[in-house]
Amino acid sequence: MTESNYFKFSNSVIVFPMLAVLSIWTVYWFEIRFQVNFNDYGVYPRTLKGLRGIFLSPFIHSSVDHLYNNTIPIAILTASLAYFYRNIAIKVLLWGFLLSGAITWLIGRPSYHIGASGLIYVLVSFIFFKGIISKHYRLVALSLMVVFIYGSLLWYIFPVEDGISWEGHLGGFVSGLFLAFAMKVPLPILKKYDWEKEDYNEEDDEFLKHFDEHGNFIESKPPVQEDDDIIIKYHFKKDSGEGKEDH
């Protein structure tokens, strides 16, 4: 990765969550500051007017609690998407936006559906299924983390609680599943060790040569030179005491 690409990559991991969180909080601040209510701009199923909610509803929240409950998942999941799927992150967000909203518009009850929870379900579903499909160990680990943290969200794709748009959750879940199969992403090439190759021969493995057939370590010894390679040189030195008498 070049230096310029590294900075682009690092910035996307920070910018994506910041923009997502800032956008939903800014809209809610605007409502409070100017005493307006944007709930009517949510998805209203099977009406022409309600189509605008497909684009606007994820930015609209009914209360601080509603907003807060969506803020942390949006930040974590968009950062994960940008980090592990940076090549398709924008496409997943845009298509997830549209598909989840469209499904909500088609199957929803006659009421205004608002909030970013549909997009949260898109991200949870996409990250989980894409990791399982890819079979790459890092992406599978991410999938398991998502299940561990957000697995309980699965119950809310069913009508288990009043006042919650389970249709939006279901639309997001189905959209994420569809995108996991439809979106192609290049995966890093896993390093393949010699012992994993089909033409691997144990007898040629330098490492295994240090062990006997019972698995005992054999200490390597320096090679012994052949006799033909040994050269012996004799040096004669004149005795310095020659010619002297002993007393």
Protein backbone atom coordinates (compact mmCIF):
# COMPACT_ATOMS: atom_id res chain seq x y z
CA MET A 1 0.00 0.00 0.00
CA THR A 2 1.48 3.34 -1.05
CA GLU A 3 1.60 6.27 1.34
CA SER A 4 -1.17 8.16 -0.49
CA ASN A 5 -3.44 5.10 -0.50
CA TYR A 6 -2.73 4.54 3.18
CA PHE A 7 -3.94 8.03 4.06
CA LYS A 8 -7.04 7.62 1.90
CA PHE A 9 -7.75 4.33 3.62
CA SER A 10 -7.19 5.75 7.11
CA ASN A 11 -9.35 8.78 6.36
CA SER A 12 -12.25 6.65 5.13
CA VAL A 13 -12.31 4.67 8.38
CA ILE A 14 -12.62 7.94 10.32
CA VAL A 15 -14.69 10.01 7.90
CA PHE A 16 -17.46 7.46 7.25
CA PRO A 17 -18.55 7.13 10.89
CA MET A 18 -18.15 10.85 11.54
CA LEU A 19 -20.31 11.84 8.61
CA ALA A 20 -22.98 9.27 9.48
CA VAL A 21 -23.19 10.35 13.13
CA LEU A 22 -22.93 14.06 12.39
CA SER A 23 -25.70 13.93 9.78
CA ILE A 24 -28.32 12.32 12.05
CA TRP A 25 -27.46 14.52 15.03
CA THR A 26 -27.51 17.68 12.90
CA VAL A 27 -31.01 16.93 11.62
CA TYR A 28 -32.27 16.32 15.15
CA TRP A 29 -30.59 19.51 16.41
CA PHE A 30 -32.27 21.44 13.59
CA GLU A 31 -35.68 20.09 14.65
CA ILE A 32 -35.12 21.13 18.27
CA ARG A 33 -33.57 24.49 17.42
CA PHE A 34 -36.31 25.61 15.05
CA GLN A 35 -39.20 23.70 16.62
CA VAL A 36 -40.03 21.66 13.54
CA ASN A 37 -40.96 18.02 13.11
CA PHE A 38 -39.70 16.00 10.15
CA ASN A 39 -41.56 12.79 10.98
CA ASP A 40 -43.86 13.33 8.01
CA TYR A 41 -40.81 12.95 5.77
CA GLY A 42 -40.41 9.31 6.74
CA VAL A 43 -41.41 6.31 4.65
CA TYR A 44 -45.18 6.03 4.33
CA PRO A 45 -45.86 2.70 2.62
CA ARG A 46 -47.47 2.48 -0.78
CA THR A 47 -48.06 6.21 -1.25
CA LEU A 48 -46.37 8.48 -3.75
CA LYS A 49 -45.60 11.01 -1.03
CA GLY A 50 -44.08 8.31 1.13
CA LEU A 51 -41.40 7.53 -1.48
CA ARG A 52 -39.34 10.50 -0.31
CA GLY A 53 -38.86 8.71 2.97
CA ILE A 54 -36.64 6.17 1.23
CA PHE A 55 -33.99 8.89 0.99
CA LEU A 56 -34.83 10.95 4.09
CA SER A 57 -36.06 8.60 6.82
CA PRO A 58 -32.62 7.37 8.04
CA PHE A 59 -31.81 10.95 9.12
CA ILE A 60 -35.01 11.44 11.14
CA HIS A 61 -35.44 10.30 14.76
CA SER A 62 -38.31 10.69 17.15
CA SER A 63 -36.38 11.27 20.39
CA VAL A 64 -32.95 11.53 21.95
CA ASP A 65 -33.16 7.91 23.09
CA HIS A 66 -34.02 6.80 19.57
CA LEU A 67 -31.11 8.82 18.21
CA TYR A 68 -28.66 7.62 20.85
CA ASN A 69 -29.57 3.96 20.35
CA ASN A 70 -28.72 4.26 16.66
CA THR A 71 -25.59 6.38 17.01
CA ILE A 72 -23.14 3.84 18.44
CA PRO A 73 -24.10 0.97 16.10
CA ILE A 74 -23.91 3.28 13.09
CA ALA A 75 -20.43 4.49 14.10
CA ILE A 76 -19.05 1.00 14.77
CA LEU A 77 -20.57 -0.68 11.73
CA THR A 78 -19.67 2.02 9.21
CA ALA A 79 -16.08 2.01 10.52
CA SER A 80 -15.96 -1.78 10.16
CA LEU A 81 -17.38 -1.55 6.65
CA ALA A 82 -14.82 1.08 5.63
CA TYR A 83 -11.94 -0.88 7.15
CA PHE A 84 -12.65 -4.37 5.85
CA TYR A 85 -14.62 -3.58 2.68
CA ARG A 86 -13.21 -0.22 1.64
CA ASN A 87 -13.48 -1.01 -2.09
CA ILE A 88 -17.26 -1.40 -1.97
CA ALA A 89 -18.19 0.52 1.20
CA ILE A 90 -19.90 3.42 -0.59
CA LYS A 91 -21.84 1.06 -2.87
CA VAL A 92 -23.06 -0.98 0.08
CA LEU A 93 -24.24 2.14 1.91
CA LEU A 94 -26.03 3.63 -1.10
CA TRP A 95 -27.69 0.41 -2.24
CA GLY A 96 -28.53 -0.53 1.33
CA PHE A 97 -30.13 2.88 1.76
CA LEU A 98 -32.33 2.43 -1.29
CA LEU A 99 -33.21 -1.25 -0.98
CA SER A 100 -34.11 -1.21 2.71
CA GLY A 101 -36.27 1.88 2.20
CA ALA A 102 -37.97 0.40 -0.84
CA ILE A 103 -38.80 -2.84 0.97
CA THR A 104 -40.20 -0.87 3.90
CA TRP A 105 -42.33 1.14 1.50
CA LEU A 106 -43.67 -2.06 -0.03
CA ILE A 107 -44.46 -4.12 3.08
CA GLY A 108 -44.82 -1.56 5.87
CA ARG A 109 -47.90 -0.73 7.90
CA PRO A 110 -49.69 2.55 7.10
CA SER A 111 -47.56 4.72 9.35
CA TYR A 112 -44.44 6.90 9.11
CA HIS A 113 -41.28 4.79 9.39
CA ILE A 114 -38.23 6.77 10.50
CA GLY A 115 -34.75 6.18 11.90
CA ALA A 116 -31.40 4.74 10.86
CA SER A 117 -32.15 1.29 12.25
CA GLY A 118 -32.93 -0.06 8.78
CA LEU A 119 -29.41 0.88 7.67
CA ILE A 120 -27.98 -0.71 10.83
CA TYR A 121 -29.66 -3.97 9.86
CA VAL A 122 -28.22 -3.65 6.37
CA LEU A 123 -24.69 -3.38 7.79
CA VAL A 124 -25.11 -6.15 10.35
CA SER A 125 -26.56 -8.51 7.76
CA PHE A 126 -24.01 -7.64 5.07
CA ILE A 127 -20.94 -7.90 7.32
CA PHE A 128 -22.09 -11.19 8.81
CA PHE A 129 -23.04 -12.98 5.60
CA LYS A 130 -20.18 -11.57 3.52
CA GLY A 131 -17.65 -12.83 6.03
CA ILE A 132 -19.18 -16.32 6.05
CA ILE A 133 -19.36 -16.42 2.25
CA SER A 134 -15.77 -15.23 1.79
CA LYS A 135 -14.35 -17.87 4.19
CA HIS A 136 -11.43 -15.52 4.86
CA TYR A 137 -10.36 -15.94 8.47
CA ARG A 138 -10.34 -12.20 9.29
CA LEU A 139 -13.75 -11.59 7.77
CA VAL A 140 -15.18 -14.68 9.46
CA ALA A 141 -13.82 -13.38 12.77
CA LEU A 142 -15.54 -10.05 12.09
CA SER A 143 -18.79 -11.90 11.35
CA LEU A 144 -18.60 -13.70 14.68
CA MET A 145 -17.94 -10.42 16.49
CA VAL A 146 -20.99 -8.86 14.86
CA VAL A 147 -23.13 -11.82 15.94
CA PHE A 148 -21.78 -11.60 19.48
CA ILE A 149 -22.50 -7.86 19.78
CA TYR A 150 -25.63 -7.46 17.68
CA GLY A 151 -27.08 -10.96 17.47
CA SER A 152 -30.06 -9.98 19.63
CA LEU A 153 -31.20 -7.60 16.88
CA LEU A 154 -32.48 -10.59 14.96
CA TRP A 155 -35.64 -10.72 17.09
CA TYR A 156 -36.69 -7.26 15.94
CA ILE A 157 -37.20 -8.27 12.33
CA PHE A 158 -40.43 -9.77 13.68
CA PRO A 159 -43.41 -7.85 15.14
CA VAL A 160 -42.45 -8.50 18.77
CA GLU A 161 -42.89 -4.95 20.11
CA ASP A 162 -45.28 -2.13 19.36
CA GLY A 163 -43.90 1.17 18.16
CA ILE A 164 -40.91 -0.41 16.38
CA SER A 165 -40.70 -0.60 12.61
CA TRP A 166 -39.98 -4.28 12.25
CA GLU A 167 -40.69 -3.86 8.53
CA GLY A 168 -37.72 -1.47 8.27
CA HIS A 169 -35.54 -3.94 10.18
CA LEU A 170 -36.62 -6.80 7.97
CA GLY A 171 -36.02 -4.70 4.86
CA GLY A 172 -32.52 -3.87 6.05
CA PHE A 173 -31.74 -7.48 6.93
CA VAL A 174 -32.90 -8.78 3.54
CA SER A 175 -31.05 -5.99 1.72
CA GLY A 176 -27.79 -6.78 3.53
CA LEU A 177 -28.15 -10.47 2.71
CA PHE A 178 -28.75 -9.69 -0.96
CA LEU A 179 -25.76 -7.32 -1.15
CA ALA A 180 -23.50 -9.89 0.52
CA PHE A 181 -24.11 -12.23 -2.43
CA ALA A 182 -24.29 -9.55 -5.12
CA MET A 183 -21.24 -7.43 -4.21
CA LYS A 184 -17.87 -8.76 -5.28
CA VAL A 185 -14.86 -7.81 -3.22
CA PRO A 186 -11.18 -8.71 -3.78
CA LEU A 187 -9.83 -10.75 -0.90
CA PRO A 188 -6.20 -10.75 0.26
CA ILE A 189 -4.24 -13.76 -0.93
CA LEU A 190 -3.46 -16.09 1.92
CA LYS A 191 0.16 -17.13 2.26
CA LYS A 192 0.58 -20.80 1.37
CA TYR A 193 3.32 -22.65 3.21
CA ASP A 194 5.41 -25.37 1.57
CA TRP A 195 3.69 -28.12 3.55
CA GLU A 196 0.30 -26.97 2.18
CA LYS A 197 1.31 -27.39 -1.45
CA GLU A 198 0.28 -30.45 -3.43
CA ASP A 199 3.84 -31.29 -4.53
CA TYR A 200 5.18 -31.17 -0.98
CA ASN A 201 7.74 -33.88 -0.17
CA GLU A 202 8.66 -34.48 3.47
CA GLU A 203 12.08 -35.87 2.56
CA ASP A 204 13.09 -32.54 1.01
CA ASP A 205 11.96 -30.48 3.98
CA GLU A 206 15.03 -29.01 5.68
CA PHE A 207 13.14 -28.50 8.92
CA LEU A 208 11.97 -32.13 9.19
CA LYS A 209 15.53 -33.34 8.62
CA HIS A 210 16.26 -32.20 12.19
CA PHE A 211 13.95 -34.93 13.55
CA ASP A 212 14.13 -38.70 13.47
CA GLU A 213 11.25 -41.03 12.65
CA HIS A 214 10.09 -40.86 16.29
CA GLY A 215 9.93 -37.08 16.34
CA ASN A 216 13.11 -36.66 18.39
CA PHE A 217 15.26 -33.66 17.67
CA ILE A 218 18.58 -34.39 16.01
CA GLU A 219 21.32 -31.91 16.75
CA SER A 220 22.98 -30.90 13.54
CA LYS A 221 26.75 -31.33 13.29
CA PRO A 222 29.19 -29.50 11.06
CA PRO A 223 30.04 -31.45 7.95
CA VAL A 224 33.20 -33.54 8.12
CA GLN A 225 35.76 -32.93 5.40
CA GLU A 226 36.88 -35.83 3.31
CA ASP A 227 40.45 -37.08 3.71
CA ASP A 228 41.31 -36.00 0.20
CA ASP A 229 40.58 -32.42 1.14
CA ILE A 230 42.90 -32.36 4.17
CA ILE A 231 46.26 -30.73 3.54
CA ILE A 232 48.93 -31.09 6.23
CA LYS A 233 51.89 -28.70 6.27
CA TYR A 234 54.99 -29.17 8.47
CA HIS A 235 57.11 -26.24 9.53
CA PHE A 236 60.64 -26.84 10.87
CA LYS A 237 62.19 -24.29 13.21
CA LYS A 238 65.83 -24.21 14.13
CA ASP A 239 66.42 -24.72 17.84
CA SER A 240 67.71 -21.48 19.32
CA GLY A 241 69.71 -23.38 21.97
CA GLU A 242 71.85 -25.34 19.47
CA GLY A 243 75.64 -25.19 20.15
CA LYS A 244 75.31 -24.21 23.79
CA GLU A 245 76.70 -26.33 26.57
CA ASP A 246 74.78 -27.30 29.61
CA HIS A 247 76.34 -26.39 32.90
